[in-house]
Amino acid sequence: YIQSNLGVAVVHGTLYPLAGLISNLSLLLAITFGGRMTIAQSITAGDFVAFISYLFLLTWPMMALGWVANLFQRGLTSLERIQTMLTETPQIRDSDSATPVPLTGTYIRIRNLTFAYPQQVVPALQGIDLDIHPGLMGIVGRTGAGKPPLCHLLTRLYPVPDGTLWYDGQDANRLPVAQVRGAIAYVPQDTMVFSETIAFNIALGKPDAAPVEIERVARAAAIHDEIVAMPEGYATRIGERGIKLSGGQRQRLAIARALLLDRPIIIIDDGLSAVDMETEHTIIGAIADYLRGRTCIIVSHRVAPLADAQTIVVMDRGRLVAQGNHAQLLEKSDFYRTIHRQQSALRK
């Protein structure tokens, strides 16, 4: 992919200057030889001027013809990629026995869940047993511990074996995929924002949201004060991929967008990595208050901001190694205690 793009850049960098050189060179030759012929009275001055005028008129259309041909080829290639995506067979499809059942998100159960990504030999998750109830749950662990794969399975981005994952007592494979996803608001690690206003980006999943609703979730995500400090407030355009916002602001905007969906389950997959630890702790507390009575799962590589969570799940190398509240884990888990001590030392 990189080599192909470099090749395209080389072609473009060569083609356009070369086309300009040929155009100007032809004009130089026409003036040189035409001028001599005019002086020698082989042609009249009017013929010479007319020829130069015609040359000017024909140069751009001929160059544009080559440019349009190149644009047409690129368009066909893009169309093929889009068609390939649209005709791609989904990895997860509803089973014949899938039956819609109202989901409240009051209980998620995982038993002996082992999972490996396609074309991967080493499992990303091994033998996971976990019960998730309403309230704030934190998932911590070092890089490569298996936190994102667990989020991907909870949001049904990949298939799971029968009898390993249940929502409200219903096997995940017996529920329509769209229904499960519709019960979950997911904030991924890579935040996607669009070159539109802040209000538009927050209300992306709920276009008819009232301004008061947008402001409420922005307050919960601790970004409201920064938005109103901007010259145009919620009408501020944030540029391509949110270039006018900091990384932390983009993440909090994505969290506000997820809160606005008002789903029974919200999963934030390391969505606060770009803010400092104190700010992360404040935001998590505000989110927990806003989502009181609902299930909120927050993935983080930092321990301290999750200290107030009812349950903290500790993962390492794809396995669940400990779970409990902050005080319990400090007492019984050497692994958790080590992470906490190392991060506390870094803060100091």
Protein backbone atom coordinates (compact mmCIF):
# COMPACT_ATOMS: atom_id res chain seq x y z
CA TYR A 1 0.00 0.00 0.00
CA ILE A 2 2.76 2.44 0.95
CA GLN A 3 4.82 1.57 -2.13
CA SER A 4 1.77 2.02 -4.37
CA ASN A 5 1.09 5.46 -2.91
CA LEU A 6 4.73 6.44 -3.33
CA GLY A 7 4.50 5.34 -6.96
CA VAL A 8 1.41 7.50 -7.49
CA ALA A 9 3.17 10.47 -5.89
CA VAL A 10 6.18 10.01 -8.20
CA VAL A 11 3.94 9.85 -11.28
CA HIS A 12 2.02 12.97 -10.26
CA GLY A 13 5.23 14.79 -9.36
CA THR A 14 6.66 14.00 -12.80
CA LEU A 15 3.56 14.24 -15.00
CA TYR A 16 2.36 17.75 -14.21
CA PRO A 17 5.74 19.54 -14.44
CA LEU A 18 6.48 17.62 -17.65
CA ALA A 19 3.15 18.66 -19.17
CA GLY A 20 3.86 22.29 -18.30
CA LEU A 21 7.36 22.03 -19.76
CA ILE A 22 6.06 20.61 -23.06
CA SER A 23 3.39 23.31 -23.27
CA ASN A 24 5.83 26.16 -22.71
CA LEU A 25 8.43 24.58 -24.97
CA SER A 26 5.91 24.35 -27.82
CA LEU A 27 5.07 28.02 -27.31
CA LEU A 28 8.77 28.93 -27.39
CA LEU A 29 9.31 27.00 -30.63
CA ALA A 30 6.21 28.57 -32.21
CA ILE A 31 7.39 32.08 -31.34
CA THR A 32 10.96 31.38 -32.52
CA PHE A 33 10.17 29.85 -35.89
CA GLY A 34 7.00 31.89 -36.44
CA GLY A 35 8.90 35.09 -35.74
CA ARG A 36 11.59 34.16 -38.28
CA MET A 37 8.96 33.32 -40.90
CA THR A 38 7.19 36.62 -40.26
CA ILE A 39 10.45 38.55 -40.65
CA ALA A 40 11.18 36.64 -43.86
CA GLN A 41 7.62 37.52 -44.98
CA SER A 42 6.79 33.82 -45.49
CA ILE A 43 3.66 34.48 -43.43
CA THR A 44 1.89 37.66 -42.46
CA ALA A 45 1.92 39.13 -38.96
CA GLY A 46 -1.79 38.37 -38.73
CA ASP A 47 -1.18 34.69 -39.52
CA PHE A 48 1.52 34.57 -36.84
CA VAL A 49 -0.72 36.14 -34.19
CA ALA A 50 -3.63 33.86 -35.16
CA PHE A 51 -1.41 30.76 -34.86
CA ILE A 52 -0.19 31.76 -31.40
CA SER A 53 -3.78 32.43 -30.33
CA TYR A 54 -4.91 29.02 -31.55
CA LEU A 55 -1.98 27.42 -29.76
CA PHE A 56 -3.06 29.05 -26.50
CA LEU A 57 -6.64 27.88 -27.05
CA LEU A 58 -5.62 24.26 -27.73
CA THR A 59 -2.96 23.82 -25.04
CA TRP A 60 -5.25 23.68 -21.98
CA PRO A 61 -7.90 21.37 -23.53
CA MET A 62 -5.19 18.88 -24.53
CA MET A 63 -3.68 18.96 -21.02
CA ALA A 64 -7.15 18.70 -19.46
CA LEU A 65 -7.92 15.65 -21.59
CA GLY A 66 -5.01 13.78 -20.02
CA TRP A 67 -5.99 14.98 -16.54
CA VAL A 68 -9.62 13.84 -17.03
CA ALA A 69 -8.45 10.44 -18.28
CA ASN A 70 -6.33 10.03 -15.14
CA LEU A 71 -9.22 11.19 -12.95
CA PHE A 72 -11.56 8.72 -14.65
CA GLN A 73 -9.19 5.81 -13.99
CA ARG A 74 -8.82 6.80 -10.33
CA GLY A 75 -12.60 7.06 -10.03
CA LEU A 76 -13.07 3.56 -11.44
CA THR A 77 -10.53 2.19 -8.96
CA SER A 78 -12.30 3.92 -6.05
CA LEU A 79 -15.65 2.59 -7.27
CA GLU A 80 -14.26 -0.96 -7.30
CA ARG A 81 -13.08 -0.58 -3.70
CA ILE A 82 -16.47 0.75 -2.62
CA GLN A 83 -18.28 -2.09 -4.39
CA THR A 84 -15.96 -4.62 -2.74
CA MET A 85 -16.80 -3.17 0.66
CA LEU A 86 -20.55 -3.08 0.00
CA THR A 87 -20.62 -6.68 -1.21
CA GLU A 88 -18.39 -7.98 1.60
CA THR A 89 -20.02 -10.84 3.47
CA PRO A 90 -20.37 -9.94 7.18
CA GLN A 91 -18.33 -12.09 9.56
CA ILE A 92 -21.30 -12.21 11.92
CA ARG A 93 -24.75 -13.03 10.64
CA ASP A 94 -27.94 -13.74 12.53
CA SER A 95 -28.55 -17.42 13.16
CA ASP A 96 -31.76 -19.00 11.93
CA SER A 97 -32.98 -19.18 15.53
CA ALA A 98 -32.21 -15.52 16.34
CA THR A 99 -35.17 -13.97 18.16
CA PRO A 100 -35.47 -10.32 19.24
CA VAL A 101 -35.74 -10.00 23.03
CA PRO A 102 -35.82 -6.68 24.93
CA LEU A 103 -32.36 -6.03 26.38
CA THR A 104 -31.97 -3.98 29.53
CA GLY A 105 -28.24 -4.53 30.03
CA THR A 106 -28.78 -5.61 33.62
CA TYR A 107 -26.63 -8.72 33.34
CA ILE A 108 -23.84 -9.81 31.00
CA ARG A 109 -22.35 -13.22 31.61
CA ILE A 110 -19.14 -14.64 30.12
CA ARG A 111 -18.04 -18.23 30.66
CA ASN A 112 -14.86 -19.96 29.46
CA LEU A 113 -14.47 -17.54 26.55
CA THR A 114 -11.43 -18.15 24.36
CA PHE A 115 -10.90 -16.11 21.22
CA ALA A 116 -8.29 -15.60 18.50
CA TYR A 117 -8.44 -13.04 15.72
CA PRO A 118 -8.73 -14.41 12.14
CA GLN A 119 -5.39 -15.69 10.79
CA GLN A 120 -3.94 -15.54 14.31
CA VAL A 121 -2.69 -18.66 16.06
CA VAL A 122 -2.18 -17.28 19.56
CA PRO A 123 -5.49 -16.59 21.36
CA ALA A 124 -6.13 -12.98 22.32
CA LEU A 125 -8.39 -14.18 25.17
CA GLN A 126 -8.17 -17.42 27.12
CA GLY A 127 -10.75 -18.91 29.48
CA ILE A 128 -12.46 -15.66 30.49
CA ASP A 129 -15.15 -15.94 33.18
CA LEU A 130 -16.86 -12.67 34.06
CA ASP A 131 -20.17 -11.32 35.37
CA ILE A 132 -21.07 -7.72 34.51
CA HIS A 133 -23.83 -5.91 36.41
CA PRO A 134 -25.13 -2.30 36.29
CA GLY A 135 -22.67 0.20 37.68
CA LEU A 136 -19.11 1.20 36.87
CA MET A 137 -16.69 -1.57 35.93
CA GLY A 138 -13.06 -0.87 35.13
CA ILE A 139 -10.79 -3.10 33.05
CA VAL A 140 -7.06 -2.55 33.49
CA GLY A 141 -3.93 -4.23 32.24
CA ARG A 142 -0.73 -3.58 30.37
CA THR A 143 -0.52 -3.32 26.58
CA GLY A 144 -1.36 -6.68 25.02
CA ALA A 145 -3.37 -7.83 28.04
CA GLY A 146 -6.49 -8.50 25.92
CA LYS A 147 -8.62 -5.49 26.79
CA PRO A 148 -9.63 -4.45 23.22
CA PRO A 149 -10.51 -8.03 22.15
CA LEU A 150 -12.90 -8.31 25.08
CA CYS A 151 -14.58 -5.05 24.03
CA HIS A 152 -14.79 -6.26 20.43
CA LEU A 153 -16.60 -9.41 21.51
CA LEU A 154 -18.97 -7.59 23.86
CA THR A 155 -19.97 -5.31 20.98
CA ARG A 156 -20.36 -8.33 18.65
CA LEU A 157 -17.71 -7.23 16.17
CA TYR A 158 -16.45 -10.81 16.02
CA PRO A 159 -18.24 -14.16 16.42
CA VAL A 160 -18.17 -15.99 19.75
CA PRO A 161 -18.66 -19.72 20.42
CA ASP A 162 -22.09 -20.84 21.57
CA GLY A 163 -22.58 -20.88 25.31
CA THR A 164 -19.85 -18.36 26.16
CA LEU A 165 -21.60 -14.97 26.15
CA TRP A 166 -25.08 -14.04 27.41
CA TYR A 167 -27.02 -10.76 27.57
CA ASP A 168 -29.80 -10.70 30.16
CA GLY A 169 -29.70 -14.51 30.20
CA GLN A 170 -29.95 -14.82 26.39
CA ASP A 171 -27.15 -16.50 24.43
CA ALA A 172 -25.51 -13.87 22.21
CA ASN A 173 -25.75 -16.18 19.20
CA ARG A 174 -29.53 -16.45 19.67
CA LEU A 175 -30.02 -12.69 19.50
CA PRO A 176 -30.06 -10.51 16.36
CA VAL A 177 -26.65 -8.85 16.01
CA ALA A 178 -28.23 -5.46 15.28
CA GLN A 179 -30.26 -5.66 18.48
CA VAL A 180 -27.20 -6.36 20.63
CA ARG A 181 -25.24 -3.54 19.02
CA GLY A 182 -28.25 -1.26 19.39
CA ALA A 183 -28.13 -1.76 23.16
CA ILE A 184 -24.48 -0.69 23.41
CA ALA A 185 -22.79 2.69 22.99
CA TYR A 186 -19.14 2.08 22.16
CA VAL A 187 -16.27 4.57 22.28
CA PRO A 188 -13.26 3.03 20.47
CA GLN A 189 -9.61 3.88 20.96
CA ASP A 190 -9.42 5.66 17.60
CA THR A 191 -11.87 8.54 17.74
CA MET A 192 -13.63 9.44 14.50
CA VAL A 193 -14.86 13.00 14.10
CA PHE A 194 -15.94 14.86 10.99
CA SER A 195 -15.20 18.26 9.47
CA GLU A 196 -18.40 19.75 10.84
CA THR A 197 -19.57 21.64 13.90
CA ILE A 198 -19.11 20.37 17.43
CA ALA A 199 -22.88 20.07 17.85
CA PHE A 200 -23.13 18.00 14.66
CA ASN A 201 -20.42 15.60 15.84
CA ILE A 202 -21.99 15.10 19.26
CA ALA A 203 -25.46 14.55 17.78
CA LEU A 204 -24.22 12.24 15.02
CA GLY A 205 -26.15 9.24 16.36
CA LYS A 206 -29.19 11.33 17.29
CA PRO A 207 -29.58 14.12 14.70
CA ASP A 208 -32.81 15.41 16.23
CA ALA A 209 -31.24 16.01 19.66
CA ALA A 210 -32.19 19.30 21.28
CA PRO A 211 -29.41 21.78 22.20
CA VAL A 212 -30.12 21.21 25.90
CA GLU A 213 -29.50 17.46 25.46
CA ILE A 214 -26.22 18.11 23.66
CA GLU A 215 -25.11 20.48 26.40
CA ARG A 216 -26.03 17.99 29.13
CA VAL A 217 -23.87 15.18 27.72
CA ALA A 218 -21.05 17.63 27.00
CA ARG A 219 -21.08 18.59 30.68
CA ALA A 220 -21.00 14.92 31.67
CA ALA A 221 -17.97 14.42 29.41
CA ALA A 222 -16.29 17.50 30.97
CA ILE A 223 -15.93 19.34 27.67
CA HIS A 224 -18.74 21.92 27.90
CA ASP A 225 -16.62 24.68 29.45
CA GLU A 226 -13.99 24.35 26.73
CA ILE A 227 -16.64 24.44 23.99
CA VAL A 228 -18.34 27.61 25.23
CA ALA A 229 -14.91 29.27 25.52
CA MET A 230 -14.52 28.95 21.74
CA PRO A 231 -15.64 31.97 19.66
CA GLU A 232 -18.54 30.10 18.03
CA GLY A 233 -19.28 27.66 20.86
CA TYR A 234 -21.13 24.55 19.72
CA ALA A 235 -21.22 25.95 16.15
CA THR A 236 -17.42 25.79 15.92
CA ARG A 237 -16.21 23.79 12.93
CA ILE A 238 -13.45 21.44 14.03
CA GLY A 239 -11.71 20.82 10.70
CA GLU A 240 -10.71 17.60 8.98
CA ARG A 241 -10.54 14.76 11.54
CA GLY A 242 -10.94 17.35 14.31
CA ILE A 243 -7.64 19.08 13.64
CA LYS A 244 -8.74 22.14 15.65
CA LEU A 245 -9.24 20.02 18.79
CA SER A 246 -6.67 18.40 21.03
CA GLY A 247 -6.54 14.62 21.38
CA GLY A 248 -8.26 14.79 24.76
CA GLN A 249 -11.01 17.05 23.42
CA ARG A 250 -11.70 14.66 20.54
CA GLN A 251 -11.97 11.75 22.97
CA ARG A 252 -14.36 13.61 25.26
CA LEU A 253 -16.45 14.68 22.27
CA ALA A 254 -16.76 11.00 21.31
CA ILE A 255 -17.81 10.14 24.88
CA ALA A 256 -20.48 12.87 24.79
CA ARG A 257 -21.73 11.39 21.50
CA ALA A 258 -22.01 7.95 23.12
CA LEU A 259 -23.81 9.32 26.18
CA LEU A 260 -26.37 11.06 23.96
CA LEU A 261 -27.42 7.68 22.52
CA ASP A 262 -28.84 6.80 25.95
CA ARG A 263 -28.08 3.07 25.66
CA PRO A 264 -28.31 0.66 28.62
CA ILE A 265 -24.65 -0.32 28.15
CA ILE A 266 -21.71 1.95 27.40
CA ILE A 267 -18.17 0.74 26.73
CA ILE A 268 -15.25 3.18 26.65
CA ASP A 269 -12.18 1.43 25.25
CA ASP A 270 -9.23 3.48 26.51
CA GLY A 271 -11.09 6.56 25.35
CA LEU A 272 -9.38 8.88 27.85
CA SER A 273 -5.75 8.03 27.14
CA ALA A 274 -5.02 11.56 25.86
CA VAL A 275 -5.99 13.36 29.09
CA ASP A 276 -4.03 13.55 32.32
CA MET A 277 -4.81 11.24 35.21
CA GLU A 278 -6.61 13.82 37.35
CA THR A 279 -8.85 14.86 34.47
CA GLU A 280 -9.54 11.22 33.66
CA HIS A 281 -10.60 10.58 37.26
CA THR A 282 -12.94 13.61 37.18
CA ILE A 283 -14.50 12.55 33.87
CA ILE A 284 -15.03 8.97 35.01
CA GLY A 285 -16.77 10.20 38.14
CA ALA A 286 -19.05 12.48 36.09
CA ILE A 287 -19.86 9.66 33.66
CA ALA A 288 -20.64 7.27 36.52
CA ASP A 289 -23.07 9.79 38.02
CA TYR A 290 -24.71 10.41 34.63
CA LEU A 291 -25.11 6.68 33.94
CA ARG A 292 -26.26 5.71 37.41
CA GLY A 293 -28.27 2.49 37.21
CA ARG A 294 -26.81 1.50 33.84
CA THR A 295 -23.82 -0.63 32.87
CA CYS A 296 -20.64 1.33 32.19
CA ILE A 297 -17.40 -0.46 31.27
CA ILE A 298 -14.27 1.69 31.10
CA VAL A 299 -11.00 0.28 29.81
CA SER A 300 -7.84 2.03 30.93
CA HIS A 301 -4.16 1.28 31.30
CA ARG A 302 -4.11 3.54 34.37
CA VAL A 303 -5.28 2.25 37.74
CA ALA A 304 -5.86 5.36 39.86
CA PRO A 305 -8.75 6.89 37.84
CA LEU A 306 -10.74 3.66 38.29
CA ALA A 307 -10.28 3.49 42.04
CA ASP A 308 -13.97 4.32 42.67
CA ALA A 309 -15.33 1.61 40.35
CA GLN A 310 -17.53 -1.02 41.99
CA THR A 311 -15.54 -3.73 40.20
CA ILE A 312 -12.11 -3.66 38.61
CA VAL A 313 -11.07 -6.49 36.29
CA VAL A 314 -7.33 -7.07 35.92
CA MET A 315 -6.11 -8.71 32.71
CA ASP A 316 -2.72 -10.00 31.63
CA ARG A 317 -1.77 -11.85 28.43
CA GLY A 318 -5.36 -12.57 27.51
CA ARG A 319 -6.36 -13.93 30.91
CA LEU A 320 -8.42 -12.52 33.75
CA VAL A 321 -6.01 -12.62 36.68
CA ALA A 322 -7.98 -10.79 39.38
CA GLN A 323 -11.15 -8.85 40.06
CA GLY A 324 -12.62 -6.89 42.94
CA ASN A 325 -12.73 -3.29 44.11
CA HIS A 326 -9.63 -1.14 44.48
CA ALA A 327 -9.03 -1.94 48.15
CA GLN A 328 -9.58 -5.67 47.67
CA LEU A 329 -7.17 -5.84 44.74
CA LEU A 330 -4.47 -3.92 46.58
CA GLU A 331 -4.75 -6.50 49.34
CA LYS A 332 -4.95 -9.76 47.36
CA SER A 333 -3.43 -9.16 43.89
CA ASP A 334 0.34 -8.84 43.57
CA PHE A 335 -0.03 -7.98 39.88
CA TYR A 336 -2.47 -5.13 40.53
CA ARG A 337 -0.40 -3.88 43.44
CA THR A 338 2.70 -3.78 41.23
CA ILE A 339 0.94 -1.80 38.50
CA HIS A 340 -0.46 0.62 41.08
CA ARG A 341 2.94 1.13 42.71
CA GLN A 342 4.69 1.71 39.36
CA GLN A 343 2.10 4.23 38.17
CA SER A 344 2.08 6.02 41.53
CA ALA A 345 5.87 6.37 41.32
CA LEU A 346 5.58 7.85 37.82
CA ARG A 347 3.03 10.41 39.05
CA LYS A 348 5.44 11.58 41.74
